[in-house]
Amino acid sequence: MIHASIRMKFAPETLSEVREILCAMMERTAVCPGCLGCNVYEDLLDAGSVLLDEWWKTQADLDRHLRSDLYRRVILVMEMAVKKPEIKFSEITKTTGMETLRNSRFGPSPRPGC
């Protein structure tokens, strides 16, 4: 699984256009082959900061998306940013959930039958 994120900072007068472009793009991205999820977030503590967050099944799925005409909209939005975007691509090999929180706070639970 591949996690792709882009954190961008925009001038207040461009935020409305940025929201419109990214939200329309996310609706179309969500149905692309290999897309496991995509979201756009605004930072409540840092006005004008936007995070584009995508999850892809394989590197090939992400590569296809990055080469797509649809992704040109992301590049357009990045060019609208007032400072250099922070771009990260991370390969995720393992994901855990509540058990990690529980184990960290209380220690591993005993195995059944032990």
N, C-alpha and C. Protein backbone atom coordinates (compact mmCIF):
# COMPACT_ATOMS: atom_id res chain seq x y z
N MET A 1 0.84 -1.17 0.00
CA MET A 1 0.00 0.00 0.00
C MET A 1 0.90 1.24 0.00
N ILE A 2 0.49 2.26 -0.74
CA ILE A 2 1.25 3.49 -0.86
C ILE A 2 0.40 4.64 -0.33
N HIS A 3 0.99 5.43 0.55
CA HIS A 3 0.35 6.64 1.05
C HIS A 3 1.01 7.84 0.38
N ALA A 4 0.22 8.68 -0.26
CA ALA A 4 0.72 9.89 -0.91
C ALA A 4 0.09 11.09 -0.23
N SER A 5 0.92 12.05 0.17
CA SER A 5 0.36 13.25 0.80
C SER A 5 1.08 14.49 0.29
N ILE A 6 0.31 15.56 0.17
CA ILE A 6 0.86 16.85 -0.24
C ILE A 6 0.27 17.91 0.70
N ARG A 7 1.14 18.58 1.43
CA ARG A 7 0.73 19.69 2.28
C ARG A 7 1.09 20.97 1.55
N MET A 8 0.07 21.86 1.41
CA MET A 8 0.26 23.09 0.65
C MET A 8 -0.29 24.28 1.44
N LYS A 9 0.27 25.44 1.19
CA LYS A 9 -0.16 26.68 1.84
C LYS A 9 -0.62 27.66 0.77
N PHE A 10 -1.81 28.26 0.97
CA PHE A 10 -2.39 29.14 -0.02
C PHE A 10 -2.76 30.48 0.57
N ALA A 11 -2.78 31.49 -0.29
CA ALA A 11 -3.26 32.81 0.10
C ALA A 11 -4.78 32.72 0.30
N PRO A 12 -5.32 33.50 1.23
CA PRO A 12 -6.77 33.42 1.51
C PRO A 12 -7.65 33.61 0.27
N GLU A 13 -7.23 34.46 -0.65
CA GLU A 13 -8.06 34.74 -1.82
C GLU A 13 -8.11 33.59 -2.82
N THR A 14 -7.23 32.60 -2.69
CA THR A 14 -7.25 31.46 -3.62
C THR A 14 -7.88 30.21 -3.02
N LEU A 15 -8.16 30.23 -1.71
CA LEU A 15 -8.66 29.01 -1.05
C LEU A 15 -9.96 28.48 -1.64
N SER A 16 -10.87 29.34 -2.00
CA SER A 16 -12.14 28.89 -2.56
C SER A 16 -11.92 28.12 -3.86
N GLU A 17 -11.08 28.64 -4.73
CA GLU A 17 -10.78 27.97 -5.99
C GLU A 17 -10.05 26.64 -5.74
N VAL A 18 -9.10 26.63 -4.80
CA VAL A 18 -8.37 25.42 -4.45
C VAL A 18 -9.33 24.34 -3.96
N ARG A 19 -10.23 24.72 -3.07
CA ARG A 19 -11.23 23.76 -2.56
C ARG A 19 -12.04 23.16 -3.69
N GLU A 20 -12.50 24.01 -4.58
CA GLU A 20 -13.34 23.56 -5.70
C GLU A 20 -12.59 22.57 -6.59
N ILE A 21 -11.37 22.91 -6.96
CA ILE A 21 -10.57 22.04 -7.83
C ILE A 21 -10.28 20.71 -7.16
N LEU A 22 -9.79 20.75 -5.91
CA LEU A 22 -9.40 19.51 -5.22
C LEU A 22 -10.60 18.63 -4.90
N CYS A 23 -11.71 19.21 -4.49
CA CYS A 23 -12.88 18.39 -4.17
C CYS A 23 -13.42 17.69 -5.42
N ALA A 24 -13.48 18.39 -6.54
CA ALA A 24 -13.93 17.77 -7.79
C ALA A 24 -12.96 16.66 -8.21
N MET A 25 -11.68 16.92 -8.04
CA MET A 25 -10.67 15.92 -8.40
C MET A 25 -10.77 14.69 -7.51
N MET A 26 -10.99 14.89 -6.22
CA MET A 26 -11.08 13.77 -5.28
C MET A 26 -12.27 12.86 -5.58
N GLU A 27 -13.38 13.44 -5.99
CA GLU A 27 -14.54 12.62 -6.34
C GLU A 27 -14.21 11.68 -7.49
N ARG A 28 -13.47 12.16 -8.47
CA ARG A 28 -13.09 11.32 -9.61
C ARG A 28 -11.97 10.35 -9.24
N THR A 29 -11.05 10.77 -8.40
CA THR A 29 -9.94 9.91 -7.99
C THR A 29 -10.44 8.71 -7.21
N ALA A 30 -11.44 8.92 -6.37
CA ALA A 30 -11.95 7.86 -5.49
C ALA A 30 -12.40 6.62 -6.26
N VAL A 31 -12.78 6.77 -7.50
CA VAL A 31 -13.26 5.62 -8.29
C VAL A 31 -12.20 5.08 -9.25
N CYS A 32 -10.98 5.61 -9.18
CA CYS A 32 -9.89 5.12 -10.03
C CYS A 32 -9.44 3.73 -9.57
N PRO A 33 -9.02 2.86 -10.49
CA PRO A 33 -8.53 1.54 -10.11
C PRO A 33 -7.35 1.66 -9.14
N GLY A 34 -7.43 0.94 -8.04
CA GLY A 34 -6.36 0.92 -7.06
C GLY A 34 -6.44 1.98 -5.99
N CYS A 35 -7.36 2.93 -6.12
CA CYS A 35 -7.50 3.96 -5.08
C CYS A 35 -8.21 3.37 -3.88
N LEU A 36 -7.55 3.42 -2.73
CA LEU A 36 -8.13 2.89 -1.49
C LEU A 36 -8.78 3.99 -0.66
N GLY A 37 -8.50 5.23 -1.00
CA GLY A 37 -9.10 6.35 -0.29
C GLY A 37 -8.38 7.64 -0.63
N CYS A 38 -9.12 8.73 -0.59
CA CYS A 38 -8.53 10.04 -0.83
C CYS A 38 -9.36 11.09 -0.11
N ASN A 39 -8.66 12.06 0.46
CA ASN A 39 -9.32 13.12 1.23
C ASN A 39 -8.57 14.42 1.06
N VAL A 40 -9.28 15.51 1.31
CA VAL A 40 -8.68 16.84 1.36
C VAL A 40 -9.02 17.40 2.73
N TYR A 41 -8.00 17.90 3.43
CA TYR A 41 -8.17 18.45 4.76
C TYR A 41 -7.65 19.88 4.81
N GLU A 42 -8.30 20.71 5.63
CA GLU A 42 -7.79 22.04 5.93
C GLU A 42 -7.34 22.07 7.37
N ASP A 43 -6.20 22.67 7.63
CA ASP A 43 -5.63 22.75 8.97
C ASP A 43 -6.32 23.88 9.74
N LEU A 44 -6.99 23.55 10.82
CA LEU A 44 -7.72 24.55 11.61
C LEU A 44 -6.80 25.48 12.36
N LEU A 45 -5.58 25.06 12.60
CA LEU A 45 -4.63 25.88 13.35
C LEU A 45 -3.67 26.66 12.46
N ASP A 46 -3.69 26.39 11.17
CA ASP A 46 -2.79 27.06 10.23
C ASP A 46 -3.61 27.48 9.00
N ALA A 47 -4.19 28.66 9.07
CA ALA A 47 -5.08 29.14 8.00
C ALA A 47 -4.38 29.07 6.65
N GLY A 48 -5.09 28.53 5.68
CA GLY A 48 -4.56 28.43 4.33
C GLY A 48 -3.81 27.14 4.03
N SER A 49 -3.60 26.31 5.06
CA SER A 49 -2.89 25.04 4.86
C SER A 49 -3.88 23.94 4.49
N VAL A 50 -3.56 23.22 3.42
CA VAL A 50 -4.41 22.16 2.90
C VAL A 50 -3.57 20.90 2.75
N LEU A 51 -4.16 19.77 3.10
CA LEU A 51 -3.50 18.48 2.96
C LEU A 51 -4.30 17.62 2.00
N LEU A 52 -3.64 17.15 0.96
CA LEU A 52 -4.21 16.18 0.02
C LEU A 52 -3.66 14.82 0.43
N ASP A 53 -4.53 13.89 0.73
CA ASP A 53 -4.16 12.61 1.31
C ASP A 53 -4.74 11.49 0.45
N GLU A 54 -3.89 10.61 -0.10
CA GLU A 54 -4.34 9.52 -0.97
C GLU A 54 -3.70 8.21 -0.54
N TRP A 55 -4.46 7.13 -0.70
CA TRP A 55 -3.99 5.77 -0.40
C TRP A 55 -4.19 4.92 -1.64
N TRP A 56 -3.10 4.22 -2.06
CA TRP A 56 -3.13 3.43 -3.29
C TRP A 56 -2.74 1.98 -3.00
N LYS A 57 -3.39 1.07 -3.69
CA LYS A 57 -3.14 -0.36 -3.48
C LYS A 57 -1.72 -0.75 -3.86
N THR A 58 -1.24 -0.28 -5.02
CA THR A 58 0.10 -0.65 -5.48
C THR A 58 0.83 0.57 -6.04
N GLN A 59 2.13 0.44 -6.21
CA GLN A 59 2.92 1.50 -6.82
C GLN A 59 2.47 1.73 -8.26
N ALA A 60 2.12 0.67 -8.96
CA ALA A 60 1.66 0.80 -10.35
C ALA A 60 0.37 1.63 -10.42
N ASP A 61 -0.54 1.43 -9.44
CA ASP A 61 -1.77 2.22 -9.40
C ASP A 61 -1.45 3.70 -9.19
N LEU A 62 -0.55 3.98 -8.26
CA LEU A 62 -0.15 5.36 -8.00
C LEU A 62 0.52 5.96 -9.23
N ASP A 63 1.43 5.22 -9.86
CA ASP A 63 2.12 5.72 -11.05
C ASP A 63 1.13 6.09 -12.15
N ARG A 64 0.15 5.23 -12.37
CA ARG A 64 -0.87 5.51 -13.39
C ARG A 64 -1.61 6.80 -13.05
N HIS A 65 -1.92 6.98 -11.78
CA HIS A 65 -2.62 8.19 -11.34
C HIS A 65 -1.74 9.43 -11.54
N LEU A 66 -0.47 9.34 -11.19
CA LEU A 66 0.44 10.49 -11.32
C LEU A 66 0.63 10.92 -12.77
N ARG A 67 0.48 9.98 -13.70
CA ARG A 67 0.63 10.29 -15.13
C ARG A 67 -0.69 10.72 -15.77
N SER A 68 -1.78 10.67 -15.04
CA SER A 68 -3.10 10.92 -15.62
C SER A 68 -3.37 12.40 -15.87
N ASP A 69 -4.30 12.65 -16.77
CA ASP A 69 -4.77 14.02 -17.01
C ASP A 69 -5.41 14.59 -15.74
N LEU A 70 -6.07 13.75 -14.99
CA LEU A 70 -6.71 14.17 -13.74
C LEU A 70 -5.69 14.76 -12.77
N TYR A 71 -4.50 14.16 -12.70
CA TYR A 71 -3.49 14.63 -11.76
C TYR A 71 -2.92 15.99 -12.16
N ARG A 72 -3.11 16.38 -13.40
CA ARG A 72 -2.65 17.72 -13.81
C ARG A 72 -3.32 18.80 -12.97
N ARG A 73 -4.51 18.52 -12.47
CA ARG A 73 -5.21 19.49 -11.60
C ARG A 73 -4.45 19.67 -10.30
N VAL A 74 -3.89 18.60 -9.78
CA VAL A 74 -3.09 18.69 -8.56
C VAL A 74 -1.85 19.55 -8.82
N ILE A 75 -1.22 19.33 -9.95
CA ILE A 75 -0.04 20.12 -10.30
C ILE A 75 -0.41 21.60 -10.43
N LEU A 76 -1.55 21.88 -11.04
CA LEU A 76 -2.04 23.26 -11.14
C LEU A 76 -2.21 23.87 -9.75
N VAL A 77 -2.82 23.13 -8.85
CA VAL A 77 -3.04 23.62 -7.49
C VAL A 77 -1.70 23.83 -6.78
N MET A 78 -0.76 22.92 -6.96
CA MET A 78 0.56 23.09 -6.33
C MET A 78 1.21 24.38 -6.80
N GLU A 79 1.01 24.74 -8.07
CA GLU A 79 1.58 25.97 -8.59
C GLU A 79 0.92 27.21 -8.00
N MET A 80 -0.27 27.07 -7.45
CA MET A 80 -0.97 28.18 -6.81
C MET A 80 -0.50 28.41 -5.37
N ALA A 81 0.22 27.48 -4.81
CA ALA A 81 0.66 27.56 -3.41
C ALA A 81 1.62 28.73 -3.22
N VAL A 82 1.61 29.32 -2.02
CA VAL A 82 2.48 30.46 -1.73
C VAL A 82 3.86 30.02 -1.25
N LYS A 83 4.02 28.75 -0.93
CA LYS A 83 5.35 28.22 -0.63
C LYS A 83 5.45 26.81 -1.17
N LYS A 84 6.65 26.29 -1.25
CA LYS A 84 6.90 24.98 -1.83
C LYS A 84 6.10 23.90 -1.09
N PRO A 85 5.30 23.10 -1.82
CA PRO A 85 4.53 22.04 -1.18
C PRO A 85 5.44 20.96 -0.57
N GLU A 86 4.96 20.35 0.51
CA GLU A 86 5.64 19.21 1.12
C GLU A 86 5.00 17.95 0.56
N ILE A 87 5.76 17.19 -0.24
CA ILE A 87 5.24 16.00 -0.91
C ILE A 87 5.90 14.77 -0.31
N LYS A 88 5.06 13.78 0.05
CA LYS A 88 5.59 12.53 0.62
C LYS A 88 4.88 11.33 0.00
N PHE A 89 5.68 10.32 -0.33
CA PHE A 89 5.16 9.03 -0.78
C PHE A 89 5.75 7.99 0.17
N SER A 90 4.89 7.23 0.84
CA SER A 90 5.33 6.24 1.82
C SER A 90 4.77 4.87 1.48
N GLU A 91 5.64 3.87 1.49
CA GLU A 91 5.19 2.50 1.29
C GLU A 91 4.85 1.91 2.66
N ILE A 92 3.63 1.44 2.81
CA ILE A 92 3.16 0.89 4.08
C ILE A 92 3.18 -0.63 3.96
N THR A 93 3.94 -1.28 4.83
CA THR A 93 4.04 -2.74 4.77
C THR A 93 3.19 -3.42 5.83
N LYS A 94 2.79 -2.69 6.85
CA LYS A 94 2.00 -3.28 7.92
C LYS A 94 1.14 -2.20 8.56
N THR A 95 -0.09 -2.55 8.87
CA THR A 95 -1.00 -1.64 9.54
C THR A 95 -1.64 -2.36 10.72
N THR A 96 -1.69 -1.71 11.85
CA THR A 96 -2.37 -2.28 13.02
C THR A 96 -3.43 -1.29 13.48
N GLY A 97 -4.17 -1.68 14.48
CA GLY A 97 -5.25 -0.83 14.97
C GLY A 97 -5.26 -0.73 16.48
N MET A 98 -6.43 -0.94 17.03
CA MET A 98 -6.65 -0.78 18.46
C MET A 98 -5.70 -1.63 19.30
N GLU A 99 -5.30 -2.79 18.78
CA GLU A 99 -4.43 -3.67 19.56
C GLU A 99 -3.09 -2.99 19.88
N THR A 100 -2.59 -2.16 18.99
CA THR A 100 -1.34 -1.45 19.25
C THR A 100 -1.52 -0.43 20.37
N LEU A 101 -2.62 0.28 20.34
CA LEU A 101 -2.91 1.24 21.42
C LEU A 101 -3.04 0.52 22.75
N ARG A 102 -3.80 -0.57 22.75
CA ARG A 102 -4.02 -1.36 23.97
C ARG A 102 -2.69 -1.92 24.49
N ASN A 103 -1.88 -2.50 23.60
CA ASN A 103 -0.60 -3.08 24.01
C ASN A 103 0.36 -2.02 24.55
N SER A 104 0.37 -0.85 23.93
CA SER A 104 1.25 0.22 24.38
C SER A 104 0.84 0.74 25.75
N ARG A 105 -0.44 0.81 25.99
CA ARG A 105 -0.91 1.38 27.26
C ARG A 105 -0.95 0.34 28.39
N PHE A 106 -1.28 -0.90 28.06
CA PHE A 106 -1.52 -1.89 29.11
C PHE A 106 -0.68 -3.16 28.99
N GLY A 107 0.12 -3.27 27.93
CA GLY A 107 0.90 -4.48 27.70
C GLY A 107 0.10 -5.47 26.88
N PRO A 108 0.80 -6.44 26.29
CA PRO A 108 0.11 -7.43 25.44
C PRO A 108 -0.90 -8.22 26.27
N SER A 109 -2.03 -8.49 25.64
CA SER A 109 -3.03 -9.32 26.32
C SER A 109 -2.59 -10.78 26.23
N PRO A 110 -2.91 -11.59 27.24
CA PRO A 110 -2.50 -13.00 27.21
C PRO A 110 -3.14 -13.72 26.02
N ARG A 111 -2.43 -14.67 25.48
CA ARG A 111 -2.96 -15.47 24.38
C ARG A 111 -4.09 -16.36 24.90
N PRO A 112 -5.10 -16.54 24.08
CA PRO A 112 -6.18 -17.45 24.49
C PRO A 112 -5.62 -18.85 24.75
N GLY A 113 -6.07 -19.46 25.80
CA GLY A 113 -5.64 -20.83 26.12
C GLY A 113 -4.33 -20.90 26.89
N CYS A 114 -3.74 -19.78 27.23
CA CYS A 114 -2.47 -19.80 27.98
C CYS A 114 -2.71 -19.50 29.45
